[in-house]
Amino acid sequence: MARAVDQSLQILRRIIPSRVSSIDYVRYRNDLTDAIPESVAEVTRVTEAHIARLRLHPTYGSNPRVSGFRLWDHGLRTALIWEDGGEPLCIQWLFTSSDSDLLRTYPEWSGLYPPLATDTAQVENLFSFAFARPGGAATEFMFGVFRLVRTMGIRTVFTHILTSNWSAHRWAERTGWQRHGTIRRWSVDLPVIRRFPLCVHEAG
């Protein structure tokens, strides 16, 4: 079914290319039952106080930050942060099965997130701040996130990365992520349909 929908939309794009577009992602998974490297990152949960400070941070207007605040304002309140001396180094959102209802109503992007089983989670919107320590802050943070999430009873964690973001793919593979399919997000600028972007998921 997913492939048939995708093929139909590809035909429609050839007919009216100005009205039909798509964005491709690679979906990744990581099995947290495997060994996780030690990490110096002290990862904690984000609080309202963190968010208030981050809204005043110089990076506030960057796209990852803006999308992160949208997640928070939508009610998705499980975010993880690593700070050093009170300064943020990395931040990332965490979705679990308890977030399913909110994810289904997340404007425009809900189709990117398939339902999660009780022992799985999704990490989203990883952001390293401009002054983060050199030499792999994001990698240390990711290992710290893995270790923390495992204590929550999560066995498998998922994420997705834009297909064109080659540096992020290389980083993901270095940090233990394994490719696990694709997501194609279609936008069709036609009456009624334009309100409902379509996401086609294929396992791999």
N, C-alpha and C. Protein backbone atom coordinates (compact mmCIF):
# COMPACT_ATOMS: atom_id res chain seq x y z
N MET A 1 0.84 -1.21 0.00
CA MET A 1 0.00 0.00 0.00
C MET A 1 0.87 1.25 0.00
N ALA A 2 1.88 1.30 0.89
CA ALA A 2 2.74 2.48 0.96
C ALA A 2 3.45 2.72 -0.35
N ARG A 3 3.94 1.63 -0.95
CA ARG A 3 4.65 1.79 -2.22
C ARG A 3 3.72 2.27 -3.32
N ALA A 4 2.48 1.79 -3.34
CA ALA A 4 1.51 2.22 -4.35
C ALA A 4 1.21 3.72 -4.22
N VAL A 5 1.05 4.18 -2.96
CA VAL A 5 0.82 5.61 -2.72
C VAL A 5 2.01 6.42 -3.20
N ASP A 6 3.21 5.96 -2.88
CA ASP A 6 4.42 6.67 -3.28
C ASP A 6 4.54 6.75 -4.80
N GLN A 7 4.27 5.64 -5.47
CA GLN A 7 4.37 5.64 -6.93
C GLN A 7 3.33 6.55 -7.56
N SER A 8 2.14 6.58 -7.00
CA SER A 8 1.09 7.47 -7.52
C SER A 8 1.49 8.93 -7.38
N LEU A 9 2.08 9.28 -6.24
CA LEU A 9 2.51 10.66 -6.02
C LEU A 9 3.68 11.03 -6.91
N GLN A 10 4.56 10.08 -7.21
CA GLN A 10 5.64 10.35 -8.13
C GLN A 10 5.11 10.66 -9.53
N ILE A 11 4.08 9.94 -9.95
CA ILE A 11 3.45 10.21 -11.25
C ILE A 11 2.82 11.60 -11.24
N LEU A 12 2.12 11.91 -10.15
CA LEU A 12 1.49 13.23 -10.03
C LEU A 12 2.53 14.34 -10.07
N ARG A 13 3.70 14.11 -9.46
CA ARG A 13 4.77 15.13 -9.48
C ARG A 13 5.27 15.36 -10.90
N ARG A 14 5.33 14.32 -11.71
CA ARG A 14 5.77 14.49 -13.10
C ARG A 14 4.75 15.30 -13.90
N ILE A 15 3.47 15.17 -13.54
CA ILE A 15 2.42 15.88 -14.26
C ILE A 15 2.35 17.34 -13.84
N ILE A 16 2.41 17.60 -12.52
CA ILE A 16 2.33 18.97 -12.01
C ILE A 16 3.48 19.21 -11.02
N PRO A 17 4.70 19.31 -11.53
CA PRO A 17 5.87 19.42 -10.63
C PRO A 17 5.84 20.63 -9.72
N SER A 18 5.16 21.68 -10.11
CA SER A 18 5.13 22.88 -9.27
C SER A 18 4.21 22.70 -8.06
N ARG A 19 3.39 21.68 -8.08
CA ARG A 19 2.41 21.48 -7.00
C ARG A 19 2.75 20.30 -6.08
N VAL A 20 3.71 19.49 -6.46
CA VAL A 20 4.00 18.28 -5.69
C VAL A 20 5.49 18.23 -5.37
N SER A 21 5.83 18.07 -4.10
CA SER A 21 7.23 18.01 -3.69
C SER A 21 7.38 16.99 -2.57
N SER A 22 8.61 16.58 -2.31
CA SER A 22 8.83 15.60 -1.26
C SER A 22 10.16 15.86 -0.56
N ILE A 23 10.25 15.39 0.67
CA ILE A 23 11.48 15.42 1.46
C ILE A 23 11.75 13.99 1.91
N ASP A 24 12.98 13.53 1.74
CA ASP A 24 13.32 12.16 2.08
C ASP A 24 14.19 12.09 3.33
N TYR A 25 13.91 11.09 4.16
CA TYR A 25 14.67 10.83 5.37
C TYR A 25 15.10 9.36 5.40
N VAL A 26 16.19 9.12 6.10
CA VAL A 26 16.58 7.76 6.44
C VAL A 26 16.21 7.52 7.90
N ARG A 27 15.54 6.42 8.17
CA ARG A 27 15.18 6.09 9.55
C ARG A 27 16.27 5.19 10.13
N TYR A 28 16.62 5.44 11.38
CA TYR A 28 17.66 4.68 12.07
C TYR A 28 17.10 4.06 13.34
N ARG A 29 17.74 2.97 13.76
CA ARG A 29 17.41 2.36 15.04
C ARG A 29 18.70 2.01 15.77
N ASN A 30 18.60 1.92 17.09
CA ASN A 30 19.74 1.50 17.91
C ASN A 30 19.22 0.55 18.98
N ASP A 31 19.84 -0.60 19.07
CA ASP A 31 19.45 -1.61 20.05
C ASP A 31 20.21 -1.34 21.34
N LEU A 32 19.49 -0.91 22.37
CA LEU A 32 20.14 -0.53 23.62
C LEU A 32 20.50 -1.71 24.50
N THR A 33 20.18 -2.93 24.02
CA THR A 33 20.64 -4.10 24.77
C THR A 33 22.10 -4.40 24.47
N ASP A 34 22.64 -3.77 23.42
CA ASP A 34 24.06 -3.91 23.12
C ASP A 34 24.87 -3.04 24.08
N ALA A 35 26.18 -3.25 24.09
CA ALA A 35 27.06 -2.43 24.94
C ALA A 35 27.02 -0.98 24.48
N ILE A 36 26.96 -0.06 25.44
CA ILE A 36 26.98 1.37 25.16
C ILE A 36 28.27 1.95 25.73
N PRO A 37 29.04 2.70 24.94
CA PRO A 37 30.29 3.28 25.46
C PRO A 37 30.04 4.18 26.67
N GLU A 38 31.02 4.25 27.54
CA GLU A 38 30.95 5.19 28.66
C GLU A 38 30.88 6.62 28.12
N SER A 39 30.34 7.51 28.93
CA SER A 39 30.21 8.90 28.50
C SER A 39 30.46 9.84 29.67
N VAL A 40 31.09 10.98 29.37
CA VAL A 40 31.31 12.00 30.39
C VAL A 40 30.10 12.93 30.50
N ALA A 41 29.14 12.79 29.58
CA ALA A 41 27.98 13.68 29.56
C ALA A 41 27.04 13.38 30.74
N GLU A 42 26.71 14.40 31.49
CA GLU A 42 25.74 14.29 32.57
C GLU A 42 24.39 14.76 32.03
N VAL A 43 23.61 13.80 31.59
CA VAL A 43 22.35 14.09 30.90
C VAL A 43 21.21 14.14 31.92
N THR A 44 20.44 15.21 31.87
CA THR A 44 19.29 15.36 32.77
C THR A 44 18.07 15.79 31.97
N ARG A 45 16.90 15.73 32.61
CA ARG A 45 15.68 16.14 31.93
C ARG A 45 15.54 17.66 31.93
N VAL A 46 15.02 18.17 30.85
CA VAL A 46 14.78 19.61 30.71
C VAL A 46 13.58 20.01 31.57
N THR A 47 13.70 21.17 32.20
CA THR A 47 12.63 21.71 33.02
C THR A 47 12.10 23.02 32.41
N GLU A 48 11.04 23.52 32.99
CA GLU A 48 10.51 24.83 32.55
C GLU A 48 11.58 25.91 32.68
N ALA A 49 12.39 25.82 33.73
CA ALA A 49 13.45 26.82 33.93
C ALA A 49 14.47 26.76 32.81
N HIS A 50 14.83 25.55 32.36
CA HIS A 50 15.74 25.43 31.23
C HIS A 50 15.16 26.13 29.99
N ILE A 51 13.89 25.83 29.72
CA ILE A 51 13.26 26.39 28.52
C ILE A 51 13.22 27.91 28.58
N ALA A 52 12.91 28.45 29.75
CA ALA A 52 12.87 29.91 29.90
C ALA A 52 14.23 30.52 29.58
N ARG A 53 15.31 29.88 30.07
CA ARG A 53 16.65 30.40 29.79
C ARG A 53 17.00 30.23 28.31
N LEU A 54 16.64 29.10 27.73
CA LEU A 54 16.99 28.83 26.33
C LEU A 54 16.26 29.77 25.37
N ARG A 55 15.07 30.24 25.76
CA ARG A 55 14.36 31.18 24.90
C ARG A 55 15.10 32.51 24.80
N LEU A 56 15.99 32.78 25.76
CA LEU A 56 16.78 34.01 25.74
C LEU A 56 18.19 33.79 25.18
N HIS A 57 18.48 32.54 24.80
CA HIS A 57 19.82 32.20 24.33
C HIS A 57 20.06 32.78 22.94
N PRO A 58 21.32 33.14 22.60
CA PRO A 58 21.61 33.71 21.28
C PRO A 58 21.20 32.82 20.11
N THR A 59 21.12 31.50 20.33
CA THR A 59 20.75 30.60 19.24
C THR A 59 19.24 30.42 19.12
N TYR A 60 18.46 31.21 19.84
CA TYR A 60 17.01 31.02 19.89
C TYR A 60 16.39 30.94 18.50
N GLY A 61 16.82 31.78 17.57
CA GLY A 61 16.18 31.85 16.26
C GLY A 61 16.60 30.78 15.28
N SER A 62 17.52 29.90 15.63
CA SER A 62 17.95 28.86 14.71
C SER A 62 16.82 27.85 14.51
N ASN A 63 16.76 27.25 13.33
CA ASN A 63 15.67 26.33 13.02
C ASN A 63 15.53 25.18 14.02
N PRO A 64 16.62 24.50 14.40
CA PRO A 64 16.46 23.42 15.38
C PRO A 64 15.90 23.90 16.71
N ARG A 65 16.29 25.11 17.13
CA ARG A 65 15.78 25.61 18.40
C ARG A 65 14.30 25.94 18.29
N VAL A 66 13.92 26.59 17.20
CA VAL A 66 12.52 26.95 17.03
C VAL A 66 11.65 25.70 17.00
N SER A 67 12.07 24.68 16.27
CA SER A 67 11.27 23.46 16.20
C SER A 67 11.24 22.76 17.55
N GLY A 68 12.32 22.86 18.31
CA GLY A 68 12.32 22.28 19.66
C GLY A 68 11.31 22.95 20.56
N PHE A 69 11.23 24.27 20.51
CA PHE A 69 10.26 24.98 21.33
C PHE A 69 8.83 24.64 20.91
N ARG A 70 8.62 24.40 19.61
CA ARG A 70 7.29 24.01 19.16
C ARG A 70 6.88 22.67 19.76
N LEU A 71 7.85 21.75 19.83
CA LEU A 71 7.56 20.46 20.45
C LEU A 71 7.17 20.66 21.92
N TRP A 72 7.93 21.49 22.61
CA TRP A 72 7.64 21.75 24.03
C TRP A 72 6.27 22.40 24.19
N ASP A 73 5.99 23.39 23.37
CA ASP A 73 4.73 24.11 23.48
C ASP A 73 3.53 23.23 23.10
N HIS A 74 3.78 22.19 22.32
CA HIS A 74 2.71 21.26 21.96
C HIS A 74 2.42 20.27 23.09
N GLY A 75 3.28 20.30 24.11
CA GLY A 75 3.06 19.41 25.26
C GLY A 75 4.01 18.25 25.34
N LEU A 76 4.96 18.17 24.39
CA LEU A 76 5.94 17.09 24.40
C LEU A 76 7.09 17.52 25.30
N ARG A 77 7.02 17.16 26.55
CA ARG A 77 7.85 17.75 27.59
C ARG A 77 9.06 16.91 28.01
N THR A 78 9.31 15.79 27.35
CA THR A 78 10.48 15.01 27.72
C THR A 78 11.63 15.37 26.79
N ALA A 79 12.46 16.27 27.25
CA ALA A 79 13.66 16.66 26.53
C ALA A 79 14.84 16.44 27.47
N LEU A 80 16.01 16.17 26.89
CA LEU A 80 17.20 15.86 27.65
C LEU A 80 18.28 16.88 27.34
N ILE A 81 19.06 17.24 28.35
CA ILE A 81 20.05 18.30 28.17
C ILE A 81 21.35 17.94 28.88
N TRP A 82 22.45 18.43 28.34
CA TRP A 82 23.76 18.31 28.97
C TRP A 82 24.28 19.74 29.15
N GLU A 83 24.60 20.09 30.37
CA GLU A 83 25.12 21.41 30.67
C GLU A 83 26.51 21.30 31.30
N ASP A 84 27.28 22.34 31.17
CA ASP A 84 28.60 22.42 31.80
C ASP A 84 28.74 23.82 32.39
N GLY A 85 28.84 23.91 33.71
CA GLY A 85 28.94 25.22 34.35
C GLY A 85 27.73 26.09 34.10
N GLY A 86 26.58 25.47 33.96
CA GLY A 86 25.36 26.24 33.73
C GLY A 86 25.11 26.59 32.28
N GLU A 87 26.05 26.27 31.40
CA GLU A 87 25.89 26.57 29.98
C GLU A 87 25.47 25.30 29.24
N PRO A 88 24.47 25.41 28.34
CA PRO A 88 24.01 24.22 27.62
C PRO A 88 25.03 23.78 26.57
N LEU A 89 25.24 22.47 26.47
CA LEU A 89 26.11 21.91 25.44
C LEU A 89 25.28 21.22 24.36
N CYS A 90 24.32 20.39 24.75
CA CYS A 90 23.48 19.67 23.80
C CYS A 90 22.09 19.49 24.38
N ILE A 91 21.12 19.39 23.49
CA ILE A 91 19.74 19.15 23.91
C ILE A 91 19.07 18.28 22.86
N GLN A 92 18.11 17.46 23.29
CA GLN A 92 17.38 16.59 22.36
C GLN A 92 16.05 16.18 22.99
N TRP A 93 15.03 16.01 22.13
CA TRP A 93 13.72 15.57 22.61
C TRP A 93 13.63 14.06 22.58
N LEU A 94 12.84 13.51 23.50
CA LEU A 94 12.62 12.07 23.61
C LEU A 94 11.12 11.79 23.60
N PHE A 95 10.68 10.93 22.68
CA PHE A 95 9.28 10.52 22.62
C PHE A 95 9.18 9.06 23.03
N THR A 96 8.13 8.74 23.81
CA THR A 96 7.86 7.36 24.19
C THR A 96 6.40 7.04 23.84
N SER A 97 5.98 5.83 24.14
CA SER A 97 4.61 5.42 23.81
C SER A 97 3.57 6.33 24.47
N SER A 98 3.91 6.93 25.59
CA SER A 98 2.95 7.81 26.28
C SER A 98 2.71 9.12 25.52
N ASP A 99 3.56 9.40 24.52
CA ASP A 99 3.41 10.62 23.72
C ASP A 99 2.60 10.40 22.45
N SER A 100 2.10 9.20 22.23
CA SER A 100 1.46 8.86 20.96
C SER A 100 0.32 9.81 20.60
N ASP A 101 -0.55 10.11 21.57
CA ASP A 101 -1.69 10.97 21.27
C ASP A 101 -1.24 12.37 20.86
N LEU A 102 -0.24 12.91 21.55
CA LEU A 102 0.24 14.24 21.20
C LEU A 102 0.93 14.23 19.84
N LEU A 103 1.68 13.19 19.53
CA LEU A 103 2.36 13.12 18.24
C LEU A 103 1.37 13.05 17.09
N ARG A 104 0.24 12.38 17.30
CA ARG A 104 -0.76 12.28 16.25
C ARG A 104 -1.36 13.63 15.91
N THR A 105 -1.32 14.57 16.85
CA THR A 105 -1.91 15.89 16.62
C THR A 105 -0.86 16.98 16.39
N TYR A 106 0.40 16.57 16.25
CA TYR A 106 1.45 17.57 16.05
C TYR A 106 1.31 18.17 14.65
N PRO A 107 1.07 19.48 14.55
CA PRO A 107 0.77 20.10 13.25
C PRO A 107 1.84 19.83 12.20
N GLU A 108 1.40 19.42 11.02
CA GLU A 108 2.19 19.23 9.81
C GLU A 108 3.13 18.03 9.84
N TRP A 109 3.71 17.70 10.98
CA TRP A 109 4.78 16.70 11.02
C TRP A 109 4.38 15.39 11.69
N SER A 110 3.13 15.22 12.03
CA SER A 110 2.73 14.04 12.79
C SER A 110 3.03 12.74 12.04
N GLY A 111 2.94 12.77 10.72
CA GLY A 111 3.15 11.56 9.94
C GLY A 111 4.55 11.01 9.98
N LEU A 112 5.49 11.80 10.47
CA LEU A 112 6.87 11.31 10.56
C LEU A 112 7.05 10.30 11.69
N TYR A 113 6.10 10.25 12.62
CA TYR A 113 6.30 9.47 13.83
C TYR A 113 5.31 8.31 13.92
N PRO A 114 5.74 7.11 13.56
CA PRO A 114 4.85 5.95 13.71
C PRO A 114 4.65 5.63 15.19
N PRO A 115 3.59 4.89 15.52
CA PRO A 115 3.34 4.53 16.93
C PRO A 115 4.53 3.80 17.55
N LEU A 116 4.76 4.06 18.82
CA LEU A 116 5.88 3.45 19.54
C LEU A 116 5.38 2.40 20.51
N ALA A 117 6.06 1.26 20.55
CA ALA A 117 5.76 0.23 21.55
C ALA A 117 6.26 0.70 22.91
N THR A 118 5.83 0.04 23.97
CA THR A 118 6.17 0.51 25.32
C THR A 118 7.66 0.44 25.62
N ASP A 119 8.40 -0.42 24.92
CA ASP A 119 9.83 -0.52 25.19
C ASP A 119 10.68 0.13 24.10
N THR A 120 10.07 1.03 23.33
CA THR A 120 10.80 1.77 22.30
C THR A 120 10.64 3.27 22.51
N ALA A 121 11.51 4.04 21.89
CA ALA A 121 11.46 5.50 22.00
C ALA A 121 12.01 6.11 20.72
N GLN A 122 11.75 7.39 20.55
CA GLN A 122 12.27 8.14 19.41
C GLN A 122 12.99 9.36 19.94
N VAL A 123 14.21 9.63 19.45
CA VAL A 123 14.90 10.87 19.78
C VAL A 123 14.82 11.80 18.59
N GLU A 124 14.70 13.08 18.86
CA GLU A 124 14.41 14.04 17.80
C GLU A 124 15.06 15.38 18.12
N ASN A 125 15.52 16.05 17.06
CA ASN A 125 15.93 17.45 17.18
C ASN A 125 17.17 17.62 18.05
N LEU A 126 18.19 16.82 17.78
CA LEU A 126 19.47 16.98 18.47
C LEU A 126 20.09 18.32 18.09
N PHE A 127 20.53 19.07 19.09
CA PHE A 127 21.15 20.37 18.83
C PHE A 127 22.38 20.53 19.70
N SER A 128 23.52 20.83 19.07
CA SER A 128 24.74 21.17 19.80
C SER A 128 24.93 22.67 19.74
N PHE A 129 25.15 23.32 20.87
CA PHE A 129 25.27 24.76 20.91
C PHE A 129 26.61 25.21 20.35
N ALA A 130 26.65 26.44 19.85
CA ALA A 130 27.81 26.93 19.09
C ALA A 130 29.10 26.83 19.88
N PHE A 131 29.02 27.02 21.20
CA PHE A 131 30.24 27.01 21.99
C PHE A 131 30.48 25.67 22.68
N ALA A 132 29.78 24.62 22.21
CA ALA A 132 30.00 23.30 22.81
C ALA A 132 31.45 22.89 22.65
N ARG A 133 31.95 22.16 23.64
CA ARG A 133 33.35 21.77 23.63
C ARG A 133 33.69 21.00 22.36
N PRO A 134 34.88 21.23 21.78
CA PRO A 134 35.26 20.52 20.57
C PRO A 134 35.54 19.05 20.87
N GLY A 135 35.61 18.26 19.80
CA GLY A 135 36.01 16.87 19.96
C GLY A 135 34.87 15.93 20.28
N GLY A 136 33.67 16.24 19.80
CA GLY A 136 32.61 15.26 19.88
C GLY A 136 31.61 15.44 20.99
N ALA A 137 31.17 16.66 21.27
CA ALA A 137 30.16 16.86 22.31
C ALA A 137 28.88 16.10 21.98
N ALA A 138 28.48 16.14 20.71
CA ALA A 138 27.24 15.46 20.32
C ALA A 138 27.35 13.96 20.52
N THR A 139 28.54 13.41 20.25
CA THR A 139 28.73 11.97 20.43
C THR A 139 28.68 11.59 21.90
N GLU A 140 29.37 12.36 22.75
CA GLU A 140 29.32 12.09 24.19
C GLU A 140 27.90 12.20 24.71
N PHE A 141 27.20 13.21 24.24
CA PHE A 141 25.81 13.42 24.67
C PHE A 141 24.94 12.24 24.24
N MET A 142 25.12 11.78 22.99
CA MET A 142 24.30 10.69 22.49
C MET A 142 24.49 9.43 23.31
N PHE A 143 25.75 9.12 23.64
CA PHE A 143 26.00 7.95 24.48
C PHE A 143 25.37 8.12 25.86
N GLY A 144 25.43 9.35 26.39
CA GLY A 144 24.78 9.63 27.67
C GLY A 144 23.28 9.44 27.59
N VAL A 145 22.68 9.88 26.48
CA VAL A 145 21.24 9.70 26.27
C VAL A 145 20.90 8.21 26.22
N PHE A 146 21.69 7.44 25.46
CA PHE A 146 21.43 6.01 25.36
C PHE A 146 21.43 5.35 26.74
N ARG A 147 22.43 5.72 27.54
CA ARG A 147 22.56 5.09 28.86
C ARG A 147 21.39 5.48 29.77
N LEU A 148 20.98 6.74 29.71
CA LEU A 148 19.85 7.18 30.53
C LEU A 148 18.56 6.53 30.09
N VAL A 149 18.33 6.51 28.78
CA VAL A 149 17.08 5.95 28.24
C VAL A 149 16.97 4.46 28.58
N ARG A 150 18.09 3.77 28.58
CA ARG A 150 18.05 2.34 28.91
C ARG A 150 17.55 2.11 30.34
N THR A 151 17.88 3.05 31.24
CA THR A 151 17.40 2.89 32.62
C THR A 151 15.89 3.07 32.72
N MET A 152 15.27 3.61 31.68
CA MET A 152 13.82 3.81 31.66
C MET A 152 13.08 2.58 31.14
N GLY A 153 13.82 1.51 30.84
CA GLY A 153 13.20 0.30 30.32
C GLY A 153 13.07 0.28 28.82
N ILE A 154 13.70 1.25 28.14
CA ILE A 154 13.66 1.31 26.68
C ILE A 154 14.73 0.36 26.11
N ARG A 155 14.30 -0.49 25.17
CA ARG A 155 15.22 -1.45 24.57
C ARG A 155 15.70 -1.01 23.18
N THR A 156 14.86 -0.24 22.48
CA THR A 156 15.20 0.19 21.12
C THR A 156 14.83 1.65 20.96
N VAL A 157 15.71 2.41 20.32
CA VAL A 157 15.46 3.83 20.09
C VAL A 157 15.59 4.11 18.60
N PHE A 158 14.74 5.01 18.11
CA PHE A 158 14.70 5.36 16.69
C PHE A 158 15.00 6.84 16.50
N THR A 159 15.41 7.19 15.29
CA THR A 159 15.52 8.59 14.87
C THR A 159 15.45 8.62 13.35
N HIS A 160 15.42 9.81 12.77
CA HIS A 160 15.50 9.92 11.32
C HIS A 160 16.33 11.14 10.95
N ILE A 161 16.97 11.06 9.79
CA ILE A 161 17.89 12.11 9.33
C ILE A 161 17.60 12.39 7.87
N LEU A 162 17.61 13.65 7.49
CA LEU A 162 17.44 14.02 6.09
C LEU A 162 18.42 13.24 5.22
N THR A 163 17.95 12.70 4.12
CA THR A 163 18.80 11.90 3.24
C THR A 163 20.01 12.70 2.77
N SER A 164 19.83 13.98 2.54
CA SER A 164 20.93 14.81 2.00
C SER A 164 21.97 15.22 3.03
N ASN A 165 21.73 14.95 4.31
CA ASN A 165 22.64 15.40 5.36
C ASN A 165 23.72 14.33 5.59
N TRP A 166 24.70 14.30 4.70
CA TRP A 166 25.69 13.23 4.72
C TRP A 166 26.55 13.25 5.98
N SER A 167 26.88 14.42 6.47
CA SER A 167 27.70 14.48 7.68
C SER A 167 26.96 13.88 8.87
N ALA A 168 25.65 14.11 8.94
CA ALA A 168 24.85 13.53 10.03
C ALA A 168 24.77 12.01 9.90
N HIS A 169 24.70 11.51 8.67
CA HIS A 169 24.67 10.05 8.47
C HIS A 169 25.99 9.42 8.93
N ARG A 170 27.09 10.04 8.57
CA ARG A 170 28.39 9.50 8.99
C ARG A 170 28.49 9.49 10.51
N TRP A 171 28.04 10.58 11.13
CA TRP A 171 28.06 10.66 12.59
C TRP A 171 27.17 9.58 13.20
N ALA A 172 25.98 9.39 12.66
CA ALA A 172 25.06 8.40 13.20
C ALA A 172 25.66 7.00 13.16
N GLU A 173 26.30 6.66 12.07
CA GLU A 173 26.87 5.33 11.95
C GLU A 173 28.06 5.15 12.90
N ARG A 174 28.77 6.24 13.19
CA ARG A 174 29.88 6.15 14.15
C ARG A 174 29.36 5.96 15.58
N THR A 175 28.16 6.40 15.84
CA THR A 175 27.63 6.33 17.20
C THR A 175 26.67 5.16 17.41
N GLY A 176 26.69 4.20 16.48
CA GLY A 176 25.96 2.96 16.70
C GLY A 176 24.60 2.85 16.06
N TRP A 177 24.15 3.90 15.37
CA TRP A 177 22.85 3.82 14.70
C TRP A 177 22.94 2.91 13.49
N GLN A 178 21.86 2.20 13.19
CA GLN A 178 21.78 1.33 12.02
C GLN A 178 20.59 1.73 11.17
N ARG A 179 20.79 1.74 9.86
CA ARG A 179 19.70 2.13 8.97
C ARG A 179 18.54 1.16 9.08
N HIS A 180 17.33 1.75 9.07
CA HIS A 180 16.14 0.93 9.33
C HIS A 180 14.97 1.42 8.49
N GLY A 181 15.24 1.72 7.22
CA GLY A 181 14.16 2.12 6.34
C GLY A 181 14.22 3.58 5.93
N THR A 182 13.16 4.02 5.29
CA THR A 182 13.09 5.39 4.77
C THR A 182 11.72 6.00 5.08
N ILE A 183 11.69 7.32 5.05
CA ILE A 183 10.44 8.06 5.15
C ILE A 183 10.44 9.12 4.05
N ARG A 184 9.37 9.17 3.30
CA ARG A 184 9.23 10.24 2.30
C ARG A 184 8.00 11.07 2.67
N ARG A 185 8.24 12.35 2.88
CA ARG A 185 7.14 13.26 3.26
C ARG A 185 6.72 14.05 2.03
N TRP A 186 5.51 13.82 1.60
CA TRP A 186 4.97 14.47 0.41
C TRP A 186 4.14 15.70 0.78
N SER A 187 4.28 16.75 -0.02
CA SER A 187 3.41 17.92 0.08
C SER A 187 2.74 18.12 -1.28
N VAL A 188 1.41 18.16 -1.29
CA VAL A 188 0.66 18.30 -2.53
C VAL A 188 -0.18 19.57 -2.43
N ASP A 189 0.16 20.56 -3.24
CA ASP A 189 -0.51 21.86 -3.18
C ASP A 189 -1.76 21.84 -4.06
N LEU A 190 -2.77 21.11 -3.58
CA LEU A 190 -4.06 21.04 -4.25
C LEU A 190 -5.15 21.21 -3.20
N PRO A 191 -6.35 21.66 -3.60
CA PRO A 191 -7.42 21.86 -2.62
C PRO A 191 -7.62 20.63 -1.74
N VAL A 192 -7.86 20.88 -0.46
CA VAL A 192 -8.11 19.87 0.57
C VAL A 192 -6.82 19.11 0.91
N ILE A 193 -6.15 18.55 -0.10
CA ILE A 193 -4.97 17.71 0.16
C ILE A 193 -3.84 18.52 0.77
N ARG A 194 -3.73 19.81 0.40
CA ARG A 194 -2.60 20.61 0.89
C ARG A 194 -2.58 20.69 2.42
N ARG A 195 -3.69 20.45 3.04
CA ARG A 195 -3.76 20.51 4.51
C ARG A 195 -3.21 19.25 5.17
N PHE A 196 -2.95 18.22 4.38
CA PHE A 196 -2.57 16.94 4.97
C PHE A 196 -1.32 16.36 4.28
N PRO A 197 -0.13 16.79 4.70
CA PRO A 197 1.09 16.19 4.15
C PRO A 197 1.08 14.69 4.40
N LEU A 198 1.55 13.95 3.41
CA LEU A 198 1.54 12.48 3.49
C LEU A 198 2.94 11.96 3.72
N CYS A 199 3.08 11.01 4.62
CA CYS A 199 4.38 10.41 4.89
C CYS A 199 4.31 8.92 4.55
N VAL A 200 5.22 8.50 3.69
CA VAL A 200 5.28 7.10 3.27
C VAL A 200 6.48 6.45 3.94
N HIS A 201 6.23 5.45 4.78
CA HIS A 201 7.28 4.75 5.51
C HIS A 201 7.56 3.42 4.84
N GLU A 202 8.84 3.11 4.66
CA GLU A 202 9.23 1.80 4.14
C GLU A 202 10.31 1.23 5.04
N ALA A 203 10.07 0.02 5.51
CA ALA A 203 11.08 -0.65 6.35
C ALA A 203 12.24 -1.10 5.49
N GLY A 204 13.42 -1.21 6.12
CA GLY A 204 14.57 -1.61 5.35
C GLY A 204 15.63 -2.20 6.25
